[in-house]
């Protein structure tokens, strides 16, 4: 396919296996330069020290960001027990150290289960959360007191994958907005020994896993070869867990102009409106009073 044509019509997803040492924005810039497409965004920041699944949206699909970002996440987190740091990870200064710790795997697992379900979590002071318009980490670096309000998060499961004291690797399945660094720090408090995060790899973001992800090095090679679009996933698949309504040609014409179409009895909530060719046309919501699909975001303009 002609490169200029790709730029004009592309709307989809690149799932990148982000290496450590790069910000999520760095990856967006690499994709922007490699594809020549200006509208590029990601759906959930990964810290520079973390690696793994980073979902990149291209073209009109960028407008799906708020919906894709809200998806659940899964991580492999390496936690070191026995010390705490001011950043809750290995980049920070150790604030307390417990010598001669004696924690069994059973005790550790019992503590973990206290952090499953719907819980309150305070973000780390060294985070991008804003306090009165200023980023928390900027205030923390200046030595200012940072008071962050707790948030409600969901931790669906915590499972020990490797037990090698003082370190352990745990599988974390959680809602969007969960800070695994805070989780590590809170686990350390509950143990009474302190703990901090020493490694983080995102294994899943929404429906995309490491199996879908392309290492950034391979993607760079594909940009140079000009065949990067072979890694592009259709935009409709980014919300594959949403119900799908297939639109015929007439319905598509209505929807792309923002007009409503009839819903079937029993259909409620949100759905993807998809063309017979599998292209994402719109995100739609049922108006339960009129039993009609109301287009909320339209993507297919041609």
Protein backbone atom coordinates (compact mmCIF):
# COMPACT_ATOMS: atom_id res chain seq x y z
CA UNK A 1 0.00 0.00 0.00
CA UNK A 2 1.19 3.51 -0.84
CA UNK A 3 2.60 5.19 2.28
CA UNK A 4 0.62 8.43 1.77
CA UNK A 5 -2.60 6.46 1.43
CA UNK A 6 -1.83 4.65 4.67
CA UNK A 7 -1.40 8.00 6.47
CA UNK A 8 -4.75 9.20 5.16
CA UNK A 9 -6.86 6.14 6.02
CA UNK A 10 -5.13 4.40 8.92
CA UNK A 11 -7.06 4.04 12.15
CA UNK A 12 -6.01 1.27 14.45
CA UNK A 13 -3.87 -0.08 17.23
CA UNK A 14 -0.20 -0.92 17.60
CA UNK A 15 0.56 -2.99 20.71
CA UNK A 16 4.16 -2.30 21.70
CA UNK A 17 6.34 -4.19 24.16
CA UNK A 18 7.91 -1.10 25.74
CA UNK A 19 11.50 -1.50 26.89
CA UNK A 20 12.68 -0.10 30.22
CA UNK A 21 14.35 3.31 30.14
CA UNK A 22 11.82 4.99 27.86
CA UNK A 23 8.77 7.03 28.77
CA UNK A 24 5.42 6.19 27.19
CA UNK A 25 5.63 9.55 25.40
CA UNK A 26 9.04 8.54 23.95
CA UNK A 27 7.36 5.49 22.37
CA UNK A 28 4.55 7.66 20.95
CA UNK A 29 7.20 9.91 19.36
CA UNK A 30 8.98 6.90 17.81
CA UNK A 31 5.66 5.70 16.33
CA UNK A 32 4.77 9.19 15.12
CA UNK A 33 8.10 9.54 13.29
CA UNK A 34 8.07 5.97 11.97
CA UNK A 35 4.55 6.09 10.55
CA UNK A 36 4.41 9.75 9.53
CA UNK A 37 1.02 9.91 11.28
CA UNK A 38 0.50 12.94 13.52
CA UNK A 39 -2.45 11.67 15.56
CA UNK A 40 -0.89 9.09 17.86
CA UNK A 41 -1.62 8.45 21.54
CA UNK A 42 -1.29 5.78 24.21
CA UNK A 43 -3.88 4.35 26.59
CA UNK A 44 -2.18 4.24 29.96
CA UNK A 45 1.25 5.45 31.04
CA UNK A 46 3.99 2.97 31.87
CA UNK A 47 6.81 4.33 34.04
CA UNK A 48 10.24 4.55 32.35
CA UNK A 49 11.46 1.78 34.70
CA UNK A 50 8.59 -0.53 33.67
CA UNK A 51 8.36 -2.65 30.52
CA UNK A 52 5.60 -4.47 28.71
CA UNK A 53 2.29 -3.87 27.00
CA UNK A 54 1.72 -0.30 25.80
CA UNK A 55 -1.34 0.18 23.59
CA UNK A 56 -0.81 2.87 20.94
CA UNK A 57 -3.76 4.32 19.02
CA UNK A 58 -3.30 5.80 15.56
CA UNK A 59 -5.43 8.20 13.52
CA UNK A 60 -9.14 8.59 14.37
CA UNK A 61 -8.79 5.66 16.83
CA UNK A 62 -7.08 8.14 19.20
CA UNK A 63 -10.59 9.30 20.10
CA UNK A 64 -11.20 5.89 21.71
CA UNK A 65 -8.50 6.58 24.28
CA UNK A 66 -10.76 7.31 27.27
CA UNK A 67 -12.62 4.01 26.75
CA UNK A 68 -9.57 1.82 26.11
CA UNK A 69 -7.64 3.46 29.00
CA UNK A 70 -10.37 2.43 31.43
CA UNK A 71 -9.67 -1.27 30.80
CA UNK A 72 -8.15 -3.49 33.48
CA UNK A 73 -4.40 -4.16 33.63
CA UNK A 74 -2.17 -7.07 34.61
CA UNK A 75 1.42 -6.88 35.84
CA UNK A 76 4.30 -9.01 37.03
CA UNK A 77 5.71 -7.04 39.95
CA UNK A 78 8.96 -7.79 41.75
CA UNK A 79 8.78 -6.63 45.36
CA UNK A 80 11.67 -6.47 47.84
CA UNK A 81 10.73 -6.86 51.49
CA UNK A 82 12.73 -5.35 54.37
CA UNK A 83 13.10 -1.69 53.36
CA UNK A 84 10.99 1.26 52.26
CA UNK A 85 11.90 4.13 49.93
CA UNK A 86 10.48 7.61 49.48
CA UNK A 87 9.47 6.85 45.87
CA UNK A 88 8.15 3.35 46.73
CA UNK A 89 10.58 1.89 44.17
CA UNK A 90 14.30 1.23 43.70
CA UNK A 91 14.96 4.75 42.33
CA UNK A 92 14.32 6.37 45.71
CA UNK A 93 16.17 6.89 48.96
CA UNK A 94 15.74 4.21 51.63
CA UNK A 95 13.67 5.66 54.45
CA UNK A 96 13.73 2.67 56.80
CA UNK A 97 15.36 -0.74 56.92
CA UNK A 98 14.40 -3.84 58.91
CA UNK A 99 17.21 -6.30 59.56
CA UNK A 100 16.69 -9.99 60.25
CA UNK A 101 13.25 -10.21 58.65
CA UNK A 102 11.49 -13.53 58.97
CA UNK A 103 8.45 -13.71 56.70
CA UNK A 104 7.18 -17.00 55.35
CA UNK A 105 5.51 -17.37 51.97
CA UNK A 106 2.26 -18.24 53.78
CA UNK A 107 2.40 -15.02 55.84
CA UNK A 108 3.22 -12.99 52.75
CA UNK A 109 0.31 -14.54 50.84
CA UNK A 110 -2.08 -13.85 53.74
CA UNK A 111 -1.09 -10.17 53.72
CA UNK A 112 -1.51 -10.03 49.93
CA UNK A 113 -5.13 -11.14 50.19
CA UNK A 114 -5.88 -8.13 52.42
CA UNK A 115 -5.28 -5.99 49.34
CA UNK A 116 -7.70 -7.72 46.99
CA UNK A 117 -11.18 -6.46 46.20
CA UNK A 118 -12.31 -2.84 46.23
CA UNK A 119 -9.80 -0.91 48.31
CA UNK A 120 -8.65 2.65 48.96
CA UNK A 121 -5.20 3.54 47.68
CA UNK A 122 -3.15 6.70 48.06
CA UNK A 123 -1.00 7.43 44.97
CA UNK A 124 2.78 7.73 45.53
CA UNK A 125 4.08 11.22 46.35
CA UNK A 126 6.44 10.87 43.37
CA UNK A 127 3.68 10.58 40.76
CA UNK A 128 2.12 12.76 38.07
CA UNK A 129 -1.10 13.21 40.07
CA UNK A 130 -1.88 16.92 40.31
CA UNK A 131 -2.31 18.78 43.60
CA UNK A 132 -3.81 22.25 43.12
CA UNK A 133 -2.62 22.26 39.51
CA UNK A 134 0.92 21.08 40.27
CA UNK A 135 2.38 17.62 39.69
CA UNK A 136 3.00 15.76 42.94
CA UNK A 137 6.51 14.63 41.98
CA UNK A 138 7.59 18.24 41.31
CA UNK A 139 6.46 19.20 44.82
CA UNK A 140 8.08 16.10 46.37
CA UNK A 141 11.42 16.84 44.68
CA UNK A 142 11.37 20.33 46.22
CA UNK A 143 10.88 18.80 49.65
CA UNK A 144 7.33 20.08 49.94
CA UNK A 145 4.75 18.07 51.86
CA UNK A 146 2.50 16.23 49.39
CA UNK A 147 -0.96 15.23 50.56
CA UNK A 148 -2.73 13.02 48.07
CA UNK A 149 -6.30 11.86 48.52
CA UNK A 150 -7.03 8.12 48.46
CA UNK A 151 -8.78 6.66 45.43
CA UNK A 152 -11.03 3.64 45.13
CA UNK A 153 -9.39 0.91 43.03
CA UNK A 154 -10.14 -2.74 42.35
CA UNK A 155 -7.54 -5.45 42.78
CA UNK A 156 -9.05 -8.55 41.24
CA UNK A 157 -6.28 -10.95 42.26
CA UNK A 158 -2.76 -11.12 43.71
CA UNK A 159 -0.77 -14.31 43.26
CA UNK A 160 2.80 -15.22 44.23
CA UNK A 161 4.64 -16.44 41.12
CA UNK A 162 8.15 -16.68 42.62
CA UNK A 163 9.20 -16.69 46.25
CA UNK A 164 12.88 -15.90 46.77
CA UNK A 165 13.26 -13.75 49.95
CA UNK A 166 13.80 -10.88 50.28
CA UNK A 167 12.28 -10.64 46.80
CA UNK A 168 9.09 -12.10 45.37
CA UNK A 169 7.38 -11.85 41.99
CA UNK A 170 3.61 -11.42 42.13
CA UNK A 171 0.92 -11.37 39.46
CA UNK A 172 -1.25 -8.27 39.91
CA UNK A 173 -4.63 -8.08 38.15
CA UNK A 174 -6.17 -4.68 38.82
CA UNK A 175 -8.34 -1.84 37.61
CA UNK A 176 -7.01 1.08 35.64
CA UNK A 177 -5.52 3.76 37.90
CA UNK A 178 -3.86 1.32 40.30
CA UNK A 179 -0.33 2.26 41.39
CA UNK A 180 1.66 -0.95 41.87
CA UNK A 181 4.35 1.08 43.67
CA UNK A 182 1.77 2.12 46.29
CA UNK A 183 0.62 -1.50 46.53
CA UNK A 184 4.20 -2.62 47.26
CA UNK A 185 4.63 0.11 49.91
CA UNK A 186 1.30 -0.73 51.57
CA UNK A 187 2.15 -4.45 51.63
CA UNK A 188 5.43 -3.55 53.37
CA UNK A 189 3.53 -1.54 55.99
CA UNK A 190 1.13 -4.40 56.62
CA UNK A 191 4.04 -6.81 57.01
CA UNK A 192 5.74 -4.38 59.39
CA UNK A 193 9.00 -4.77 57.45
CA UNK A 194 8.68 -2.22 54.69
CA UNK A 195 8.74 -3.13 50.99
CA UNK A 196 9.29 -1.46 47.64
CA UNK A 197 8.95 -2.21 43.95
CA UNK A 198 12.13 -3.31 42.15
CA UNK A 199 10.71 -4.42 38.81
CA UNK A 200 7.47 -4.07 36.85
CA UNK A 201 6.30 -5.64 33.60
CA UNK A 202 2.81 -5.05 32.24
CA UNK A 203 1.56 -8.33 30.80
CA UNK A 204 -1.97 -7.23 29.84
CA UNK A 205 -3.84 -4.00 29.06
CA UNK A 206 -7.52 -4.50 28.35
CA UNK A 207 -7.80 -7.37 25.89
CA UNK A 208 -4.19 -7.06 24.68
CA UNK A 209 -1.43 -9.23 26.16
CA UNK A 210 2.29 -9.70 25.57
CA UNK A 211 1.33 -12.21 22.85
CA UNK A 212 -0.08 -9.28 20.84
CA UNK A 213 2.86 -6.99 21.56
CA UNK A 214 5.68 -6.21 19.14
CA UNK A 215 9.07 -5.36 20.69
CA UNK A 216 9.93 -1.74 19.88
CA UNK A 217 13.20 -2.86 18.24
CA UNK A 218 11.24 -5.00 15.74
CA UNK A 219 8.80 -2.16 15.14
CA UNK A 220 11.65 0.25 14.35
CA UNK A 221 12.92 -2.24 11.74
CA UNK A 222 9.41 -2.42 10.28
CA UNK A 223 9.26 1.38 10.02
CA UNK A 224 12.53 1.35 8.07
CA UNK A 225 11.30 -1.49 5.82
CA UNK A 226 7.98 0.32 5.26
CA UNK A 227 5.82 -2.68 6.24
CA UNK A 228 4.92 -1.62 9.80
CA UNK A 229 1.20 -1.66 8.94
CA UNK A 230 1.35 -5.49 9.01
CA UNK A 231 1.38 -5.09 12.82
CA UNK A 232 -1.68 -2.81 12.84
CA UNK A 233 -4.73 -4.20 14.66
CA UNK A 234 -8.19 -2.94 13.57
CA UNK A 235 -9.59 -0.26 15.88
CA UNK A 236 -12.74 -2.33 16.52
CA UNK A 237 -10.61 -4.99 18.27
CA UNK A 238 -9.42 -2.54 20.92
CA UNK A 239 -12.85 -2.83 22.55
CA UNK A 240 -13.47 -6.47 21.65
CA UNK A 241 -15.06 -7.08 25.07
CA UNK A 242 -17.85 -4.61 24.16
CA UNK A 243 -21.01 -5.88 22.44
CA UNK A 244 -20.94 -5.47 18.66
CA UNK A 245 -23.73 -4.29 16.38
CA UNK A 246 -23.10 -5.01 12.69
CA UNK A 247 -24.38 -2.17 10.53
CA UNK A 248 -25.65 -2.62 6.99
CA UNK A 249 -25.00 0.09 4.37
CA UNK A 250 -28.16 2.07 5.21
CA UNK A 251 -27.59 1.94 8.97
CA UNK A 252 -23.97 2.96 8.47
CA UNK A 253 -25.08 6.00 6.51
CA UNK A 254 -27.42 7.03 9.34
CA UNK A 255 -24.88 6.45 12.10
CA UNK A 256 -21.96 8.23 10.45
CA UNK A 257 -24.14 11.35 10.23
CA UNK A 258 -25.00 11.08 13.93
CA UNK A 259 -28.54 9.78 13.40
CA UNK A 260 -30.13 7.13 15.60
CA UNK A 261 -31.03 3.61 14.49
CA UNK A 262 -33.47 1.17 16.16
CA UNK A 263 -32.14 -1.16 18.85
CA UNK A 264 -33.48 -4.62 19.51
CA UNK A 265 -35.39 -5.50 22.66
CA UNK A 266 -33.00 -6.34 25.49
CA UNK A 267 -30.08 -4.34 24.10
CA UNK A 268 -28.76 -1.90 26.71
CA UNK A 269 -25.64 0.13 27.47
CA UNK A 270 -22.82 0.71 25.03
CA UNK A 271 -21.72 -1.15 21.89
CA UNK A 272 -19.40 -0.90 18.92
CA UNK A 273 -21.11 -0.17 15.63
CA UNK A 274 -19.09 -2.10 13.04
CA UNK A 275 -19.44 -2.20 9.24
CA UNK A 276 -19.94 -5.46 7.34
CA UNK A 277 -16.25 -5.17 6.40
CA UNK A 278 -15.25 -5.08 10.10
CA UNK A 279 -14.40 -1.37 10.33
CA UNK A 280 -15.29 0.55 13.48
CA UNK A 281 -17.99 3.05 12.52
CA UNK A 282 -19.06 4.42 15.91
CA UNK A 283 -19.42 3.88 19.63
CA UNK A 284 -23.13 3.88 20.43
CA UNK A 285 -25.35 3.91 23.51
CA UNK A 286 -28.94 2.73 23.82
CA UNK A 287 -31.53 5.37 24.71
CA UNK A 288 -33.77 3.16 26.86
CA UNK A 289 -36.76 5.49 26.51
CA UNK A 290 -36.90 5.22 22.73
CA UNK A 291 -35.02 1.88 22.36
CA UNK A 292 -32.66 3.42 19.81
CA UNK A 293 -28.89 3.40 19.36
CA UNK A 294 -27.50 6.92 19.77
CA UNK A 295 -24.04 7.39 18.16
CA UNK A 296 -21.72 8.91 20.77
CA UNK A 297 -18.44 8.88 18.84
CA UNK A 298 -18.28 8.46 15.08
CA UNK A 299 -15.05 7.26 13.44
CA UNK A 300 -15.94 6.27 9.90
CA UNK A 301 -16.23 9.41 7.77
CA UNK A 302 -15.65 8.25 4.17
